[in-house]
Amino acid sequence: MGFALSDMQLSSTAAYRGPAPPPSHGTHHYFFWLLALDCETRFDAGLTLWELLEKIEPNVIGMNRLVGTYAR
């Protein structure tokens, strides 16, 4: 089971659209967090990042971060 959080400023549809830095704007850094939980969870759509973290914090058993770079 998986899910993604998205920035809904560009659209009213929640979806991951991938990196899109402005052309010739240099290298941009993208941070992805993976959190391992000790149980399966279900949440209503529309949680903020901070609301999600508050709900899952008691069940986090591990986490890691991937930093990707992209330029065009």
N, C-alpha and C. Protein backbone atom coordinates (compact mmCIF):
# COMPACT_ATOMS: atom_id res chain seq x y z
N MET A 1 0.84 -1.17 0.00
CA MET A 1 0.00 0.00 0.00
C MET A 1 0.88 1.23 0.00
N GLY A 2 0.56 2.22 -0.78
CA GLY A 2 1.34 3.44 -0.81
C GLY A 2 0.48 4.64 -1.10
N PHE A 3 1.05 5.80 -0.92
CA PHE A 3 0.34 7.03 -1.21
C PHE A 3 1.36 8.11 -1.47
N ALA A 4 0.89 9.22 -2.02
CA ALA A 4 1.78 10.34 -2.27
C ALA A 4 1.10 11.63 -1.85
N LEU A 5 1.87 12.54 -1.33
CA LEU A 5 1.38 13.87 -1.04
C LEU A 5 1.76 14.75 -2.22
N SER A 6 0.93 15.71 -2.52
CA SER A 6 1.24 16.56 -3.66
C SER A 6 1.00 18.01 -3.34
N ASP A 7 1.60 18.87 -4.11
CA ASP A 7 1.39 20.30 -4.01
C ASP A 7 0.18 20.64 -4.88
N MET A 8 -0.88 21.10 -4.27
CA MET A 8 -2.12 21.33 -5.02
C MET A 8 -2.26 22.79 -5.46
N GLN A 9 -1.18 23.57 -5.43
CA GLN A 9 -1.27 24.96 -5.87
C GLN A 9 -1.44 25.07 -7.38
N LEU A 10 -0.92 24.10 -8.12
CA LEU A 10 -0.99 24.17 -9.57
C LEU A 10 -2.29 23.61 -10.13
N SER A 11 -2.98 22.80 -9.36
CA SER A 11 -4.17 22.13 -9.83
C SER A 11 -5.00 21.68 -8.65
N SER A 12 -6.28 21.46 -8.87
CA SER A 12 -7.13 20.96 -7.79
C SER A 12 -7.08 19.44 -7.72
N THR A 13 -6.29 18.80 -8.58
CA THR A 13 -6.17 17.35 -8.60
C THR A 13 -4.91 16.92 -7.85
N ALA A 14 -5.08 16.02 -6.89
CA ALA A 14 -3.92 15.51 -6.14
C ALA A 14 -3.22 14.45 -6.98
N ALA A 15 -2.02 14.74 -7.42
CA ALA A 15 -1.25 13.80 -8.23
C ALA A 15 0.21 14.23 -8.21
N TYR A 16 1.11 13.27 -8.33
CA TYR A 16 2.53 13.60 -8.41
C TYR A 16 2.88 13.85 -9.87
N ARG A 17 3.48 14.97 -10.15
CA ARG A 17 3.78 15.35 -11.53
C ARG A 17 5.28 15.31 -11.86
N GLY A 18 6.11 14.98 -10.90
CA GLY A 18 7.54 14.90 -11.18
C GLY A 18 8.22 16.25 -11.12
N PRO A 19 9.54 16.27 -11.22
CA PRO A 19 10.29 17.52 -11.12
C PRO A 19 10.07 18.39 -12.35
N ALA A 20 9.99 19.70 -12.12
CA ALA A 20 9.81 20.63 -13.24
C ALA A 20 10.43 21.98 -12.89
N PRO A 21 11.76 22.03 -12.70
CA PRO A 21 12.37 23.33 -12.44
C PRO A 21 12.31 24.20 -13.69
N PRO A 22 12.35 25.51 -13.52
CA PRO A 22 12.36 26.38 -14.70
C PRO A 22 13.59 26.10 -15.55
N PRO A 23 13.46 26.17 -16.88
CA PRO A 23 14.62 25.96 -17.75
C PRO A 23 15.75 26.94 -17.41
N SER A 24 16.97 26.47 -17.47
CA SER A 24 18.18 27.27 -17.22
C SER A 24 18.20 27.88 -15.82
N HIS A 25 17.59 27.24 -14.86
CA HIS A 25 17.52 27.76 -13.50
C HIS A 25 18.49 27.02 -12.58
N GLY A 26 19.34 26.17 -13.14
CA GLY A 26 20.30 25.44 -12.34
C GLY A 26 19.71 24.15 -11.76
N THR A 27 20.48 23.52 -10.93
CA THR A 27 20.08 22.24 -10.33
C THR A 27 19.14 22.47 -9.16
N HIS A 28 18.03 21.75 -9.16
CA HIS A 28 17.07 21.79 -8.06
C HIS A 28 17.16 20.49 -7.28
N HIS A 29 16.92 20.57 -5.98
CA HIS A 29 16.97 19.39 -5.11
C HIS A 29 15.55 19.00 -4.72
N TYR A 30 15.26 17.70 -4.79
CA TYR A 30 13.95 17.16 -4.44
C TYR A 30 14.13 16.16 -3.32
N PHE A 31 13.36 16.32 -2.26
CA PHE A 31 13.50 15.49 -1.06
C PHE A 31 12.30 14.55 -0.97
N PHE A 32 12.58 13.26 -0.83
CA PHE A 32 11.54 12.24 -0.69
C PHE A 32 11.79 11.52 0.63
N TRP A 33 10.74 11.36 1.42
CA TRP A 33 10.84 10.68 2.71
C TRP A 33 10.10 9.37 2.66
N LEU A 34 10.71 8.33 3.17
CA LEU A 34 10.09 7.02 3.29
C LEU A 34 9.97 6.73 4.78
N LEU A 35 8.74 6.44 5.22
CA LEU A 35 8.51 6.14 6.64
C LEU A 35 7.93 4.74 6.75
N ALA A 36 8.53 3.92 7.59
CA ALA A 36 8.03 2.56 7.85
C ALA A 36 7.15 2.62 9.09
N LEU A 37 5.93 2.07 8.98
CA LEU A 37 4.99 2.06 10.09
C LEU A 37 4.78 0.63 10.58
N ASP A 38 4.38 0.49 11.83
CA ASP A 38 4.15 -0.84 12.39
C ASP A 38 2.71 -1.31 12.23
N CYS A 39 1.91 -0.59 11.42
CA CYS A 39 0.53 -0.99 11.18
C CYS A 39 0.06 -0.39 9.86
N GLU A 40 -1.03 -0.93 9.33
CA GLU A 40 -1.63 -0.37 8.12
C GLU A 40 -2.52 0.79 8.53
N THR A 41 -2.53 1.84 7.74
CA THR A 41 -3.31 3.03 8.09
C THR A 41 -4.19 3.45 6.93
N ARG A 42 -5.24 4.17 7.25
CA ARG A 42 -6.13 4.78 6.25
C ARG A 42 -6.47 6.18 6.75
N PHE A 43 -6.41 7.16 5.84
CA PHE A 43 -6.72 8.53 6.21
C PHE A 43 -7.63 9.15 5.16
N ASP A 44 -8.38 10.13 5.56
CA ASP A 44 -9.20 10.89 4.63
C ASP A 44 -8.29 11.77 3.77
N ALA A 45 -8.72 12.02 2.55
CA ALA A 45 -7.96 12.90 1.65
C ALA A 45 -7.94 14.32 2.22
N GLY A 46 -6.90 15.05 1.91
CA GLY A 46 -6.84 16.45 2.27
C GLY A 46 -6.05 16.77 3.53
N LEU A 47 -5.41 15.77 4.15
CA LEU A 47 -4.58 16.05 5.32
C LEU A 47 -3.40 16.93 4.93
N THR A 48 -3.04 17.84 5.80
CA THR A 48 -1.80 18.58 5.58
C THR A 48 -0.64 17.67 5.98
N LEU A 49 0.56 18.05 5.61
CA LEU A 49 1.74 17.28 6.00
C LEU A 49 1.81 17.16 7.51
N TRP A 50 1.59 18.26 8.23
CA TRP A 50 1.71 18.25 9.68
C TRP A 50 0.63 17.40 10.33
N GLU A 51 -0.58 17.40 9.78
CA GLU A 51 -1.65 16.53 10.31
C GLU A 51 -1.30 15.06 10.11
N LEU A 52 -0.77 14.73 8.93
CA LEU A 52 -0.36 13.36 8.66
C LEU A 52 0.73 12.91 9.63
N LEU A 53 1.76 13.73 9.78
CA LEU A 53 2.87 13.37 10.68
C LEU A 53 2.39 13.19 12.11
N GLU A 54 1.48 14.01 12.57
CA GLU A 54 0.94 13.88 13.92
C GLU A 54 0.21 12.55 14.10
N LYS A 55 -0.54 12.14 13.08
CA LYS A 55 -1.30 10.88 13.16
C LYS A 55 -0.40 9.64 13.12
N ILE A 56 0.66 9.68 12.31
CA ILE A 56 1.48 8.48 12.16
C ILE A 56 2.65 8.39 13.13
N GLU A 57 3.01 9.49 13.78
CA GLU A 57 4.20 9.52 14.63
C GLU A 57 4.28 8.37 15.63
N PRO A 58 3.19 7.99 16.31
CA PRO A 58 3.31 6.88 17.27
C PRO A 58 3.64 5.54 16.63
N ASN A 59 3.43 5.41 15.31
CA ASN A 59 3.62 4.14 14.63
C ASN A 59 4.86 4.08 13.74
N VAL A 60 5.66 5.13 13.72
CA VAL A 60 6.87 5.15 12.88
C VAL A 60 7.95 4.28 13.54
N ILE A 61 8.43 3.29 12.77
CA ILE A 61 9.50 2.41 13.29
C ILE A 61 10.81 2.61 12.53
N GLY A 62 10.78 3.40 11.47
CA GLY A 62 11.99 3.69 10.72
C GLY A 62 11.69 4.73 9.65
N MET A 63 12.75 5.43 9.23
CA MET A 63 12.56 6.40 8.15
C MET A 63 13.89 6.67 7.46
N ASN A 64 13.79 7.13 6.21
CA ASN A 64 14.98 7.48 5.45
C ASN A 64 14.60 8.55 4.45
N ARG A 65 15.60 9.22 3.93
CA ARG A 65 15.39 10.32 2.99
C ARG A 65 16.22 10.08 1.75
N LEU A 66 15.61 10.36 0.60
CA LEU A 66 16.31 10.33 -0.68
C LEU A 66 16.30 11.74 -1.23
N VAL A 67 17.46 12.23 -1.64
CA VAL A 67 17.55 13.55 -2.24
C VAL A 67 17.92 13.34 -3.71
N GLY A 68 17.05 13.82 -4.58
CA GLY A 68 17.31 13.75 -6.01
C GLY A 68 17.59 15.14 -6.55
N THR A 69 18.40 15.22 -7.61
CA THR A 69 18.67 16.51 -8.23
C THR A 69 18.22 16.45 -9.69
N TYR A 70 17.82 17.60 -10.19
CA TYR A 70 17.35 17.66 -11.57
C TYR A 70 17.56 19.06 -12.09
N ALA A 71 18.00 19.17 -13.33
CA ALA A 71 18.15 20.46 -14.00
C ALA A 71 17.75 20.26 -15.46
N ARG A 72 17.26 21.33 -16.05
CA ARG A 72 16.96 21.26 -17.49
C ARG A 72 17.32 22.57 -18.17
